[in-house]
Structure formats: structure tokens, C-alpha cells
Amino acid sequence: MTLNSFQLGSAFKLMLRTLPIIGIRLGANILFGLALLVYLAITGWVAYLVGNAIQIVGVILFIVALVPSQYSFDGYNLYNSRLKREFVSIISTLTGY
């Protein structure tokens, strides 16, 4: 097995051609993570303020605030799986398989 058999040149060209899709996935991951952090910070702050007045209500409020974040994870997983299917489609089109 030689180094030529790995076809590193064609793999590198393929990686460069699919770089925009990789960038979109990376950007979507970063934006989703930041949005989730902002959401949890705001809801945690509100739950803390309410918890100072009535402790159990603050805890319940924070737990209830976590439910929409679970739904957003499900929506993100659907979006991410669609991107993966598109990426595989682009790879197969570019390679001719």
C-alpha cells in the first residue's frame, strides 16, 4: 500500500469543495449554542428573582423554562439531520457515486 493509494489529493479537493457546507453547519451549531445560553441565562435570572420572593415557585419556574429548550433541541436535531443528508448528497454528486 503506497501513499498514492490513499488519494489524498482528491480527498483534499473534495474537502475544499464542501467547505461552505461545513461552515454552515459550524455556524448553525455556534448560533444555536449561543441562543440556548442566552435563553437559559434569562430564564435562570428570572427564576432567581422569583425564587428570592417564593423559593419553590422559582424552582418550578426554572424547571418549566427547561421544557422549551428540550423542544428546541429536537428541532435542532431535525435541522442537523437534514444538513447531514444534504451533505451526503453533495458528496455523492461531487464524487459521481
N, C-alpha and C. Protein backbone atom coordinates (compact mmCIF):
# COMPACT_ATOMS: atom_id res chain seq x y z
N MET A 1 0.85 -1.16 0.00
CA MET A 1 0.00 0.00 0.00
C MET A 1 0.90 1.24 0.00
N THR A 2 0.73 2.07 -0.99
CA THR A 2 1.55 3.27 -1.11
C THR A 2 0.73 4.49 -0.68
N LEU A 3 1.42 5.59 -0.57
CA LEU A 3 0.76 6.83 -0.20
C LEU A 3 -0.19 7.30 -1.29
N ASN A 4 0.11 6.93 -2.53
CA ASN A 4 -0.76 7.31 -3.65
C ASN A 4 -2.10 6.60 -3.58
N SER A 5 -2.15 5.43 -2.99
CA SER A 5 -3.40 4.67 -2.95
C SER A 5 -4.44 5.33 -2.04
N PHE A 6 -4.01 6.21 -1.17
CA PHE A 6 -4.96 6.91 -0.30
C PHE A 6 -5.68 8.04 -1.01
N GLN A 7 -5.19 8.48 -2.16
CA GLN A 7 -5.77 9.55 -2.96
C GLN A 7 -6.00 10.81 -2.13
N LEU A 8 -4.95 11.25 -1.48
CA LEU A 8 -5.05 12.42 -0.60
C LEU A 8 -5.37 13.68 -1.39
N GLY A 9 -4.86 13.77 -2.61
CA GLY A 9 -5.13 14.95 -3.42
C GLY A 9 -6.61 15.11 -3.73
N SER A 10 -7.25 14.03 -4.15
CA SER A 10 -8.68 14.13 -4.46
C SER A 10 -9.51 14.32 -3.19
N ALA A 11 -9.07 13.75 -2.08
CA ALA A 11 -9.79 13.96 -0.82
C ALA A 11 -9.69 15.41 -0.38
N PHE A 12 -8.53 16.01 -0.57
CA PHE A 12 -8.35 17.42 -0.20
C PHE A 12 -9.19 18.33 -1.09
N LYS A 13 -9.24 18.02 -2.39
CA LYS A 13 -10.07 18.81 -3.32
C LYS A 13 -11.54 18.70 -2.94
N LEU A 14 -11.96 17.51 -2.58
CA LEU A 14 -13.35 17.29 -2.17
C LEU A 14 -13.66 18.06 -0.89
N MET A 15 -12.70 18.08 0.03
CA MET A 15 -12.91 18.82 1.28
C MET A 15 -13.04 20.32 0.99
N LEU A 16 -12.22 20.83 0.08
CA LEU A 16 -12.31 22.26 -0.25
C LEU A 16 -13.63 22.60 -0.94
N ARG A 17 -14.14 21.69 -1.74
CA ARG A 17 -15.42 21.94 -2.42
C ARG A 17 -16.60 21.88 -1.47
N THR A 18 -16.48 21.16 -0.39
CA THR A 18 -17.59 21.06 0.57
C THR A 18 -17.39 21.97 1.78
N LEU A 19 -16.38 22.79 1.77
CA LEU A 19 -16.11 23.69 2.89
C LEU A 19 -17.27 24.64 3.21
N PRO A 20 -18.01 25.17 2.21
CA PRO A 20 -19.15 26.03 2.57
C PRO A 20 -20.21 25.30 3.40
N ILE A 21 -20.49 24.05 3.09
CA ILE A 21 -21.48 23.30 3.87
C ILE A 21 -20.96 23.07 5.29
N ILE A 22 -19.69 22.78 5.42
CA ILE A 22 -19.10 22.59 6.75
C ILE A 22 -19.20 23.90 7.53
N GLY A 23 -18.98 25.02 6.86
CA GLY A 23 -19.10 26.33 7.52
C GLY A 23 -20.52 26.61 7.97
N ILE A 24 -21.49 26.23 7.15
CA ILE A 24 -22.89 26.43 7.53
C ILE A 24 -23.23 25.60 8.76
N ARG A 25 -22.78 24.36 8.79
CA ARG A 25 -23.05 23.51 9.96
C ARG A 25 -22.38 24.07 11.21
N LEU A 26 -21.15 24.53 11.08
CA LEU A 26 -20.44 25.09 12.22
C LEU A 26 -21.14 26.36 12.71
N GLY A 27 -21.55 27.20 11.77
CA GLY A 27 -22.25 28.42 12.14
C GLY A 27 -23.58 28.14 12.82
N ALA A 28 -24.31 27.15 12.31
CA ALA A 28 -25.58 26.78 12.94
C ALA A 28 -25.36 26.25 14.35
N ASN A 29 -24.33 25.45 14.54
CA ASN A 29 -24.03 24.93 15.88
C ASN A 29 -23.68 26.05 16.85
N ILE A 30 -22.86 27.00 16.40
CA ILE A 30 -22.47 28.11 17.27
C ILE A 30 -23.67 28.99 17.61
N LEU A 31 -24.48 29.33 16.60
CA LEU A 31 -25.65 30.17 16.85
C LEU A 31 -26.66 29.50 17.78
N PHE A 32 -26.88 28.23 17.57
CA PHE A 32 -27.82 27.51 18.45
C PHE A 32 -27.30 27.47 19.87
N GLY A 33 -26.03 27.22 20.04
CA GLY A 33 -25.45 27.19 21.39
C GLY A 33 -25.54 28.54 22.08
N LEU A 34 -25.25 29.61 21.35
CA LEU A 34 -25.35 30.94 21.94
C LEU A 34 -26.79 31.30 22.29
N ALA A 35 -27.72 30.97 21.41
CA ALA A 35 -29.13 31.26 21.69
C ALA A 35 -29.61 30.49 22.91
N LEU A 36 -29.18 29.24 23.04
CA LEU A 36 -29.57 28.44 24.19
C LEU A 36 -28.98 29.01 25.49
N LEU A 37 -27.73 29.47 25.44
CA LEU A 37 -27.11 30.06 26.62
C LEU A 37 -27.83 31.34 27.03
N VAL A 38 -28.18 32.18 26.07
CA VAL A 38 -28.91 33.42 26.37
C VAL A 38 -30.27 33.08 26.98
N TYR A 39 -30.97 32.13 26.40
CA TYR A 39 -32.29 31.73 26.91
C TYR A 39 -32.17 31.22 28.35
N LEU A 40 -31.21 30.34 28.60
CA LEU A 40 -31.07 29.79 29.94
C LEU A 40 -30.62 30.86 30.94
N ALA A 41 -29.80 31.81 30.50
CA ALA A 41 -29.38 32.89 31.39
C ALA A 41 -30.57 33.78 31.77
N ILE A 42 -31.40 34.12 30.81
CA ILE A 42 -32.55 34.98 31.09
C ILE A 42 -33.56 34.25 31.98
N THR A 43 -33.88 33.01 31.63
CA THR A 43 -34.86 32.29 32.44
C THR A 43 -34.30 31.96 33.83
N GLY A 44 -33.01 31.68 33.92
CA GLY A 44 -32.40 31.44 35.22
C GLY A 44 -32.41 32.69 36.09
N TRP A 45 -32.17 33.84 35.47
CA TRP A 45 -32.20 35.11 36.20
C TRP A 45 -33.61 35.42 36.72
N VAL A 46 -34.60 35.21 35.84
CA VAL A 46 -35.99 35.44 36.26
C VAL A 46 -36.38 34.46 37.37
N ALA A 47 -35.98 33.21 37.23
CA ALA A 47 -36.30 32.21 38.26
C ALA A 47 -35.60 32.56 39.57
N TYR A 48 -34.40 33.10 39.49
CA TYR A 48 -33.68 33.51 40.69
C TYR A 48 -34.40 34.66 41.39
N LEU A 49 -34.84 35.64 40.59
CA LEU A 49 -35.55 36.78 41.18
C LEU A 49 -36.86 36.34 41.82
N VAL A 50 -37.60 35.48 41.13
CA VAL A 50 -38.86 34.98 41.71
C VAL A 50 -38.56 34.10 42.92
N GLY A 51 -37.47 33.34 42.85
CA GLY A 51 -37.09 32.46 43.95
C GLY A 51 -36.71 33.21 45.20
N ASN A 52 -36.24 34.44 45.05
CA ASN A 52 -35.95 35.23 46.24
C ASN A 52 -37.22 35.56 47.00
N ALA A 53 -38.32 35.73 46.29
CA ALA A 53 -39.59 36.02 46.94
C ALA A 53 -40.24 34.74 47.45
N ILE A 54 -40.41 33.77 46.56
CA ILE A 54 -41.04 32.49 46.93
C ILE A 54 -40.15 31.40 46.33
N GLN A 55 -39.42 30.71 47.19
CA GLN A 55 -38.37 29.81 46.72
C GLN A 55 -38.90 28.69 45.83
N ILE A 56 -39.95 28.02 46.21
CA ILE A 56 -40.44 26.87 45.44
C ILE A 56 -40.95 27.30 44.07
N VAL A 57 -41.53 28.50 43.99
CA VAL A 57 -42.02 28.99 42.69
C VAL A 57 -40.86 29.26 41.75
N GLY A 58 -39.75 29.75 42.28
CA GLY A 58 -38.56 29.96 41.45
C GLY A 58 -38.02 28.67 40.89
N VAL A 59 -37.99 27.62 41.69
CA VAL A 59 -37.51 26.31 41.24
C VAL A 59 -38.44 25.75 40.17
N ILE A 60 -39.73 25.83 40.42
CA ILE A 60 -40.72 25.33 39.46
C ILE A 60 -40.62 26.12 38.15
N LEU A 61 -40.45 27.43 38.25
CA LEU A 61 -40.35 28.27 37.06
C LEU A 61 -39.14 27.89 36.21
N PHE A 62 -38.02 27.61 36.87
CA PHE A 62 -36.83 27.22 36.11
C PHE A 62 -37.01 25.86 35.46
N ILE A 63 -37.63 24.93 36.15
CA ILE A 63 -37.88 23.60 35.57
C ILE A 63 -38.82 23.72 34.38
N VAL A 64 -39.86 24.54 34.51
CA VAL A 64 -40.79 24.76 33.39
C VAL A 64 -40.07 25.45 32.23
N ALA A 65 -39.12 26.31 32.53
CA ALA A 65 -38.38 27.02 31.48
C ALA A 65 -37.47 26.07 30.70
N LEU A 66 -37.11 24.92 31.29
CA LEU A 66 -36.26 23.97 30.58
C LEU A 66 -37.01 23.19 29.52
N VAL A 67 -38.33 23.13 29.61
CA VAL A 67 -39.12 22.35 28.65
C VAL A 67 -38.98 22.91 27.22
N PRO A 68 -39.12 24.22 26.99
CA PRO A 68 -38.93 24.71 25.61
C PRO A 68 -37.53 24.47 25.07
N SER A 69 -36.53 24.45 25.95
CA SER A 69 -35.18 24.18 25.46
C SER A 69 -35.07 22.74 24.95
N GLN A 70 -35.83 21.81 25.54
CA GLN A 70 -35.84 20.43 25.04
C GLN A 70 -36.47 20.37 23.66
N TYR A 71 -37.56 21.13 23.47
CA TYR A 71 -38.18 21.17 22.14
C TYR A 71 -37.25 21.79 21.12
N SER A 72 -36.49 22.78 21.52
CA SER A 72 -35.57 23.39 20.57
C SER A 72 -34.44 22.41 20.22
N PHE A 73 -34.04 21.55 21.19
CA PHE A 73 -33.06 20.50 20.87
C PHE A 73 -33.62 19.56 19.81
N ASP A 74 -34.89 19.20 19.94
CA ASP A 74 -35.50 18.31 18.95
C ASP A 74 -35.54 18.97 17.58
N GLY A 75 -35.92 20.23 17.53
CA GLY A 75 -35.92 20.95 16.26
C GLY A 75 -34.53 21.09 15.67
N TYR A 76 -33.55 21.32 16.54
CA TYR A 76 -32.17 21.43 16.07
C TYR A 76 -31.69 20.09 15.52
N ASN A 77 -32.05 19.00 16.17
CA ASN A 77 -31.64 17.69 15.67
C ASN A 77 -32.25 17.41 14.30
N LEU A 78 -33.51 17.81 14.09
CA LEU A 78 -34.11 17.66 12.77
C LEU A 78 -33.36 18.49 11.73
N TYR A 79 -33.01 19.74 12.09
CA TYR A 79 -32.28 20.61 11.18
C TYR A 79 -30.90 20.02 10.88
N ASN A 80 -30.23 19.53 11.91
CA ASN A 80 -28.89 18.99 11.73
C ASN A 80 -28.92 17.71 10.89
N SER A 81 -29.94 16.87 11.06
CA SER A 81 -30.01 15.66 10.25
C SER A 81 -30.31 16.00 8.79
N ARG A 82 -31.09 17.06 8.54
CA ARG A 82 -31.34 17.49 7.17
C ARG A 82 -30.05 17.99 6.53
N LEU A 83 -29.24 18.73 7.30
CA LEU A 83 -27.95 19.19 6.77
C LEU A 83 -27.03 18.01 6.46
N LYS A 84 -27.06 16.98 7.30
CA LYS A 84 -26.23 15.80 7.05
C LYS A 84 -26.65 15.11 5.76
N ARG A 85 -27.97 14.99 5.54
CA ARG A 85 -28.45 14.36 4.30
C ARG A 85 -28.04 15.18 3.08
N GLU A 86 -28.13 16.50 3.19
CA GLU A 86 -27.72 17.34 2.07
C GLU A 86 -26.22 17.22 1.83
N PHE A 87 -25.45 17.12 2.90
CA PHE A 87 -24.01 16.99 2.76
C PHE A 87 -23.65 15.68 2.06
N VAL A 88 -24.30 14.60 2.44
CA VAL A 88 -24.05 13.31 1.80
C VAL A 88 -24.46 13.38 0.33
N SER A 89 -25.55 14.06 0.03
CA SER A 89 -25.99 14.22 -1.35
C SER A 89 -24.97 15.00 -2.17
N ILE A 90 -24.42 16.05 -1.59
CA ILE A 90 -23.41 16.85 -2.29
C ILE A 90 -22.15 16.03 -2.51
N ILE A 91 -21.72 15.28 -1.50
CA ILE A 91 -20.52 14.44 -1.64
C ILE A 91 -20.73 13.42 -2.75
N SER A 92 -21.89 12.77 -2.77
CA SER A 92 -22.11 11.76 -3.79
C SER A 92 -22.19 12.38 -5.18
N THR A 93 -22.73 13.59 -5.28
CA THR A 93 -22.78 14.26 -6.58
C THR A 93 -21.38 14.65 -7.04
N LEU A 94 -20.58 15.16 -6.13
CA LEU A 94 -19.23 15.60 -6.50
C LEU A 94 -18.33 14.43 -6.85
N THR A 95 -18.50 13.30 -6.19
CA THR A 95 -17.64 12.16 -6.47
C THR A 95 -18.17 11.29 -7.58
N GLY A 96 -19.44 11.45 -7.95
CA GLY A 96 -20.01 10.69 -9.05
C GLY A 96 -20.53 9.32 -8.64
N TYR A 97 -20.75 9.10 -7.37
CA TYR A 97 -21.27 7.79 -6.92
C TYR A 97 -22.75 7.83 -6.76
